[in-house]
Amino acid sequence: MSAEKVTASEKTAIGVAHSKVILIGEHSVVHGQPAIAIPFPLIGVETVIEYVPGAVKMDSTFYHGPLRHAPKELEGIVECVSSSCEYLGIPYKDLLIRINSSVPPGKGLGSSASVAISIIRSLFHYCDKECSTEDLLQLANVAETYAHGAPSGLDTLTITSDKPVWYKKGSPVEHIELGEDLHFIVADSGRFGDTRTSVESVASLLKAAPQRIHSKIERIGALTHHAKDALEKASKQFLGQLLNEAQKELEALGVSDAGLNKLIRFAREEGALGAKLTGGGNGGCIIALAQNEVHSKQLAEKLRRFGAAAVWPFVLKK
């Protein structure tokens, strides 16, 4: 799904956004370490804005009706729509927002950010105005703050990019140039994760045992630096080892669980060069690095048969 696919007219406008996967750096990124995230083009969101007189309404699989009556889970999206209308200088009325998303929520794949970016793009095109990356990041952060409490900004940055993103708080964002094509598989454990709760649990651990937990966070940061080198220098064997090492640290932080560990162990046993959780953890998805395209397809099928709720093999092209 192309993020550039947009059409607009006086009465309707369409905005599209792809998803994202964190490759390495979960949780440590919240505490000042770097993270690497990659665009995930296989799933995404399309939003259609239509002129319909009356209160602003939403039509989606999660909710259908006036935005003012939307459930608390959509509070961030409601605020995002309101803020976007205010920013664009248009009345907060006479809009029907149709959202079609293939990004499962609660899986660490950037669902809330994808929806927000898709909506923002559609509203800008409805007004026939250019939407800069700065506009997207500023307005999408409204929704992300409700979804995650203190978002790093990594989701929105990656969803607006077509290359891997190197992110560290307070530093300029970099885009990583790959040394080779890489074949990944994302597999869904079938259980929802809760990024906010996981982030808060790590923060609590950090207060309780600052020295031990800080060393884990710094270790993930060091692994992330090495992963950047591995991506740029076409060292996929080394990258796989780094993913495995990062998973050890995430387990020590208490954000993995038996279901994720089972999928990760199976992927490694079936030849994955590396495998780890992706996203907040304690549910959600894993990411595995395959040996090549053929192995990627084989491993994806084996993970399906093993019981993964959904499996997406994809190639990250240099």
Protein backbone atom coordinates (compact mmCIF):
# COMPACT_ATOMS: atom_id res chain seq x y z
CA MET A 1 0.00 0.00 0.00
CA SER A 2 1.60 3.22 -1.11
CA ALA A 3 1.61 6.14 1.29
CA GLU A 4 1.59 8.44 -1.72
CA LYS A 5 -1.74 7.18 -3.09
CA VAL A 6 -4.07 10.13 -2.54
CA THR A 7 -6.90 11.65 -4.48
CA ALA A 8 -8.99 14.66 -3.64
CA SER A 9 -12.03 16.55 -4.83
CA GLU A 10 -14.41 19.10 -3.38
CA LYS A 11 -16.48 16.46 -1.60
CA THR A 12 -14.10 13.58 -0.84
CA ALA A 13 -10.43 12.94 -0.16
CA ILE A 14 -8.33 9.85 0.50
CA GLY A 15 -5.23 9.44 2.66
CA VAL A 16 -3.15 6.27 3.02
CA ALA A 17 -0.45 5.15 5.46
CA HIS A 18 1.57 1.95 5.80
CA SER A 19 2.58 0.32 9.07
CA LYS A 20 5.90 -0.17 10.87
CA VAL A 21 7.95 -2.75 12.76
CA ILE A 22 10.64 -2.03 15.34
CA LEU A 23 13.71 -4.04 14.42
CA ILE A 24 15.70 -3.37 17.58
CA GLY A 25 15.73 -0.88 20.45
CA GLU A 26 12.30 -1.39 22.01
CA HIS A 27 11.98 0.08 25.50
CA SER A 28 15.58 1.32 25.62
CA VAL A 29 14.58 4.05 23.16
CA VAL A 30 12.26 5.50 25.83
CA HIS A 31 15.31 5.93 28.07
CA GLY A 32 17.57 7.76 25.63
CA GLN A 33 19.06 4.89 23.64
CA PRO A 34 18.70 4.55 19.84
CA ALA A 35 16.23 2.32 18.03
CA ILE A 36 15.84 1.11 14.47
CA ALA A 37 12.42 0.72 12.90
CA ILE A 38 11.51 -0.43 9.41
CA PRO A 39 8.52 0.39 7.20
CA PHE A 40 6.05 -2.47 6.92
CA PRO A 41 4.23 -2.07 3.60
CA LEU A 42 2.09 -5.24 3.70
CA ILE A 43 -0.53 -3.73 5.98
CA GLY A 44 -1.86 -0.21 6.25
CA VAL A 45 -4.77 2.20 6.58
CA GLU A 46 -6.93 4.03 4.06
CA THR A 47 -9.11 6.92 5.21
CA VAL A 48 -11.83 8.50 3.08
CA ILE A 49 -13.24 11.89 4.06
CA GLU A 50 -16.69 12.76 2.71
CA TYR A 51 -18.76 15.90 3.03
CA VAL A 52 -21.83 14.90 5.06
CA PRO A 53 -23.76 17.69 6.82
CA GLY A 54 -23.98 17.53 10.58
CA ALA A 55 -21.65 16.44 13.37
CA VAL A 56 -18.31 14.80 12.56
CA LYS A 57 -18.89 11.05 12.25
CA MET A 58 -16.68 7.99 11.98
CA ASP A 59 -17.31 4.75 10.11
CA SER A 60 -14.86 2.00 11.05
CA THR A 61 -14.74 -1.57 12.31
CA PHE A 62 -14.16 -0.23 15.83
CA TYR A 63 -16.86 2.42 15.97
CA HIS A 64 -19.66 3.87 13.88
CA GLY A 65 -21.30 7.14 14.87
CA PRO A 66 -20.63 10.74 15.96
CA LEU A 67 -17.07 11.33 17.14
CA ARG A 68 -18.35 13.09 20.25
CA HIS A 69 -19.78 9.73 21.40
CA ALA A 70 -16.72 7.66 20.48
CA PRO A 71 -15.40 5.25 23.15
CA LYS A 72 -12.44 6.21 25.33
CA GLU A 73 -10.14 3.94 23.29
CA LEU A 74 -10.54 6.36 20.36
CA GLU A 75 -9.94 9.49 22.43
CA GLY A 76 -6.56 10.09 20.79
CA ILE A 77 -8.03 9.84 17.29
CA VAL A 78 -10.87 12.21 18.26
CA GLU A 79 -8.34 14.77 19.51
CA CYS A 80 -6.23 14.24 16.40
CA VAL A 81 -9.20 15.04 14.13
CA SER A 82 -10.13 18.08 16.22
CA SER A 83 -6.54 19.38 16.27
CA SER A 84 -6.14 18.81 12.53
CA CYS A 85 -9.34 20.73 11.74
CA GLU A 86 -8.21 23.59 13.98
CA TYR A 87 -4.75 23.60 12.35
CA LEU A 88 -6.30 23.65 8.87
CA GLY A 89 -8.78 26.36 9.85
CA ILE A 90 -11.90 24.35 8.93
CA PRO A 91 -15.07 23.91 11.00
CA TYR A 92 -15.27 20.77 13.12
CA LYS A 93 -18.44 19.55 11.40
CA ASP A 94 -19.90 18.19 8.14
CA LEU A 95 -17.38 15.35 7.85
CA LEU A 96 -17.77 11.59 7.57
CA ILE A 97 -14.47 9.79 8.22
CA ARG A 98 -14.37 6.25 6.82
CA ILE A 99 -11.41 4.21 8.09
CA ASN A 100 -10.36 0.93 6.52
CA SER A 101 -7.40 -0.60 8.37
CA SER A 102 -5.56 -3.89 7.93
CA VAL A 103 -3.22 -3.08 10.84
CA PRO A 104 -4.26 -5.10 13.90
CA PRO A 105 -4.29 -2.97 17.06
CA GLY A 106 -2.32 -3.93 20.14
CA LYS A 107 0.37 -5.79 18.19
CA GLY A 108 3.20 -3.26 18.21
CA LEU A 109 2.78 -2.53 14.51
CA GLY A 110 1.91 1.14 14.81
CA SER A 111 -1.86 0.86 14.42
CA SER A 112 -2.73 4.11 16.20
CA ALA A 113 -0.03 6.08 14.35
CA SER A 114 -1.03 4.60 10.96
CA VAL A 115 -4.67 5.55 11.53
CA ALA A 116 -3.73 9.05 12.68
CA ILE A 117 -1.41 9.70 9.73
CA SER A 118 -3.97 8.38 7.26
CA ILE A 119 -6.64 10.67 8.74
CA ILE A 120 -4.34 13.71 8.74
CA ARG A 121 -3.35 13.14 5.11
CA SER A 122 -6.98 12.79 4.08
CA LEU A 123 -7.95 16.03 5.88
CA PHE A 124 -5.11 17.96 4.27
CA HIS A 125 -6.13 16.68 0.85
CA TYR A 126 -9.76 17.46 1.60
CA CYS A 127 -8.61 21.06 2.07
CA ASP A 128 -6.31 20.80 -0.98
CA LYS A 129 -3.29 21.69 1.16
CA GLU A 130 0.20 20.21 1.15
CA CYS A 131 1.00 18.11 4.21
CA SER A 132 4.64 18.29 5.27
CA THR A 133 6.37 15.65 7.37
CA GLU A 134 6.53 18.23 10.18
CA ASP A 135 2.74 18.69 10.00
CA LEU A 136 2.21 14.92 10.12
CA LEU A 137 4.51 14.37 13.07
CA GLN A 138 3.09 17.25 15.09
CA LEU A 139 -0.55 16.29 14.60
CA ALA A 140 -0.08 12.52 14.82
CA ASN A 141 1.72 12.99 18.13
CA VAL A 142 -1.60 14.16 19.59
CA ALA A 143 -3.09 10.69 19.02
CA GLU A 144 0.10 8.90 20.02
CA THR A 145 0.24 10.68 23.37
CA TYR A 146 -3.19 9.28 24.23
CA ALA A 147 -2.22 5.81 22.98
CA HIS A 148 1.19 5.48 24.62
CA GLY A 149 1.50 8.15 27.29
CA ALA A 150 4.99 9.36 26.34
CA PRO A 151 5.55 8.27 22.74
CA SER A 152 9.09 8.26 21.37
CA GLY A 153 7.91 9.47 17.96
CA LEU A 154 9.47 6.44 16.27
CA ASP A 155 6.17 5.06 14.96
CA THR A 156 5.18 8.24 13.15
CA LEU A 157 8.67 8.79 11.76
CA THR A 158 8.82 5.28 10.29
CA ILE A 159 5.29 5.32 8.92
CA THR A 160 6.16 8.47 6.99
CA SER A 161 9.36 6.87 5.59
CA ASP A 162 10.19 4.23 2.99
CA LYS A 163 13.60 3.40 4.52
CA PRO A 164 14.77 2.07 7.90
CA VAL A 165 14.83 4.83 10.49
CA TRP A 166 17.54 5.40 13.08
CA TYR A 167 15.99 7.29 15.98
CA LYS A 168 17.41 8.66 19.20
CA LYS A 169 15.70 11.27 21.34
CA GLY A 170 17.24 14.67 20.90
CA SER A 171 19.31 13.65 17.85
CA PRO A 172 18.62 14.19 14.15
CA VAL A 173 16.69 11.34 12.54
CA GLU A 174 18.74 9.26 10.10
CA HIS A 175 17.64 6.95 7.31
CA ILE A 176 19.72 3.80 6.96
CA GLU A 177 20.94 2.68 3.55
CA LEU A 178 20.89 -1.10 3.37
CA GLY A 179 23.82 -3.11 2.05
CA GLU A 180 21.57 -5.95 0.86
CA ASP A 181 17.96 -7.06 0.61
CA LEU A 182 16.71 -8.64 3.84
CA HIS A 183 13.88 -11.14 4.22
CA PHE A 184 11.84 -10.90 7.39
CA ILE A 185 8.80 -12.63 8.82
CA VAL A 186 6.45 -10.96 11.29
CA ALA A 187 4.30 -13.43 13.23
CA ASP A 188 1.38 -12.55 15.49
CA SER A 189 1.15 -14.36 18.83
CA GLY A 190 -2.63 -13.91 18.75
CA ARG A 191 -2.63 -11.92 21.98
CA PHE A 192 -2.83 -8.19 22.48
CA GLY A 193 0.14 -6.35 23.90
CA ASP A 194 -0.10 -3.14 25.92
CA THR A 195 2.75 -0.79 25.11
CA ARG A 196 1.82 1.74 27.78
CA THR A 197 1.74 -0.90 30.54
CA SER A 198 5.02 -2.45 29.36
CA VAL A 199 6.76 0.94 29.25
CA GLU A 200 5.49 1.73 32.74
CA SER A 201 6.68 -1.66 34.08
CA VAL A 202 10.21 -1.04 32.78
CA ALA A 203 10.17 2.43 34.34
CA SER A 204 9.16 0.87 37.67
CA LEU A 205 11.98 -1.69 37.42
CA LEU A 206 14.41 1.12 36.70
CA LYS A 207 13.40 2.85 39.92
CA ALA A 208 13.58 -0.36 41.94
CA ALA A 209 16.94 -1.59 40.59
CA PRO A 210 18.50 1.33 38.70
CA GLN A 211 21.99 -0.10 38.22
CA ARG A 212 20.91 -3.52 36.95
CA ILE A 213 18.13 -2.26 34.67
CA HIS A 214 20.19 0.64 33.34
CA SER A 215 22.88 -1.83 32.27
CA LYS A 216 20.24 -3.82 30.34
CA ILE A 217 19.02 -0.65 28.64
CA GLU A 218 22.57 0.37 27.73
CA ARG A 219 23.26 -3.13 26.39
CA ILE A 220 20.27 -2.89 24.04
CA GLY A 221 21.59 0.50 22.93
CA ALA A 222 24.99 -0.99 22.11
CA LEU A 223 23.36 -3.84 20.17
CA THR A 224 21.36 -1.27 18.21
CA HIS A 225 24.54 0.56 17.18
CA HIS A 226 26.00 -2.75 15.97
CA ALA A 227 22.76 -3.53 14.11
CA LYS A 228 23.05 -0.27 12.15
CA ASP A 229 26.53 -1.33 11.02
CA ALA A 230 25.27 -4.79 10.11
CA LEU A 231 22.45 -3.32 8.00
CA GLU A 232 24.78 -0.99 6.14
CA LYS A 233 27.54 -3.56 5.60
CA ALA A 234 25.34 -6.48 4.48
CA SER A 235 26.17 -8.64 7.53
CA LYS A 236 22.89 -10.51 7.95
CA GLN A 237 24.44 -13.35 9.96
CA PHE A 238 25.74 -10.81 12.46
CA LEU A 239 22.40 -8.97 12.42
CA GLY A 240 20.64 -12.21 13.34
CA GLN A 241 22.95 -12.70 16.33
CA LEU A 242 22.25 -9.14 17.46
CA LEU A 243 18.49 -9.71 17.32
CA ASN A 244 18.89 -12.80 19.48
CA GLU A 245 21.03 -10.89 22.00
CA ALA A 246 18.47 -8.08 22.16
CA GLN A 247 15.75 -10.63 22.91
CA LYS A 248 17.74 -11.86 25.94
CA GLU A 249 17.81 -8.35 27.35
CA LEU A 250 14.10 -7.81 26.67
CA GLU A 251 13.33 -11.02 28.52
CA ALA A 252 15.42 -9.74 31.44
CA LEU A 253 13.31 -6.55 31.41
CA GLY A 254 10.19 -8.69 31.79
CA VAL A 255 8.50 -7.59 28.56
CA SER A 256 8.54 -10.93 26.77
CA ASP A 257 6.29 -13.82 27.76
CA ALA A 258 5.85 -17.56 27.26
CA GLY A 259 3.80 -17.20 24.06
CA LEU A 260 6.33 -14.91 22.38
CA ASN A 261 9.26 -17.02 23.59
CA LYS A 262 7.66 -20.14 22.11
CA LEU A 263 7.33 -18.55 18.65
CA ILE A 264 10.85 -17.11 18.84
CA ARG A 265 12.36 -20.46 19.83
CA PHE A 266 10.49 -22.25 17.02
CA ALA A 267 11.64 -19.71 14.42
CA ARG A 268 15.26 -20.17 15.47
CA GLU A 269 14.94 -23.96 15.44
CA GLU A 270 13.63 -23.72 11.87
CA GLY A 271 16.67 -21.81 10.68
CA ALA A 272 15.94 -18.13 11.40
CA LEU A 273 19.20 -16.17 11.62
CA GLY A 274 17.67 -14.27 14.53
CA ALA A 275 14.28 -13.70 16.14
CA LYS A 276 12.89 -11.44 18.84
CA LEU A 277 9.74 -9.70 19.96
CA THR A 278 8.82 -6.47 18.21
CA GLY A 279 6.97 -3.61 19.88
CA GLY A 280 5.91 -3.33 23.50
CA GLY A 281 5.89 -7.07 24.16
CA ASN A 282 3.81 -9.20 26.55
CA GLY A 283 1.69 -10.19 23.57
CA GLY A 284 1.81 -8.82 20.06
CA CYS A 285 4.30 -9.99 17.46
CA ILE A 286 7.76 -11.38 16.84
CA ILE A 287 10.12 -10.59 13.96
CA ALA A 288 12.43 -13.21 12.46
CA LEU A 289 15.27 -12.77 9.96
CA ALA A 290 15.19 -15.44 7.25
CA GLN A 291 18.19 -16.77 5.33
CA ASN A 292 16.79 -15.86 1.90
CA GLU A 293 13.52 -15.56 -0.05
CA VAL A 294 12.88 -19.31 -0.27
CA HIS A 295 13.57 -19.81 3.42
CA SER A 296 11.33 -16.84 4.24
CA LYS A 297 8.35 -18.48 2.53
CA GLN A 298 9.08 -21.85 4.14
CA LEU A 299 9.48 -20.37 7.62
CA ALA A 300 6.31 -18.32 7.24
CA GLU A 301 4.32 -21.45 6.40
CA LYS A 302 5.85 -23.37 9.31
CA LEU A 303 4.97 -20.56 11.72
CA ARG A 304 1.38 -20.63 10.45
CA ARG A 305 1.16 -24.35 11.05
CA PHE A 306 2.82 -23.92 14.44
CA GLY A 307 -0.08 -21.70 15.52
CA ALA A 308 0.80 -18.07 14.80
CA ALA A 309 -2.42 -16.10 14.45
CA ALA A 310 -1.12 -14.27 11.36
CA VAL A 311 2.16 -14.34 9.46
CA TRP A 312 3.59 -11.76 7.07
CA PRO A 313 6.79 -12.53 5.13
CA PHE A 314 8.25 -9.43 3.51
CA VAL A 315 11.44 -8.18 1.93
CA LEU A 316 13.22 -4.99 2.94
CA LYS A 317 14.95 -3.82 -0.22
CA LYS A 318 18.20 -1.91 -0.31
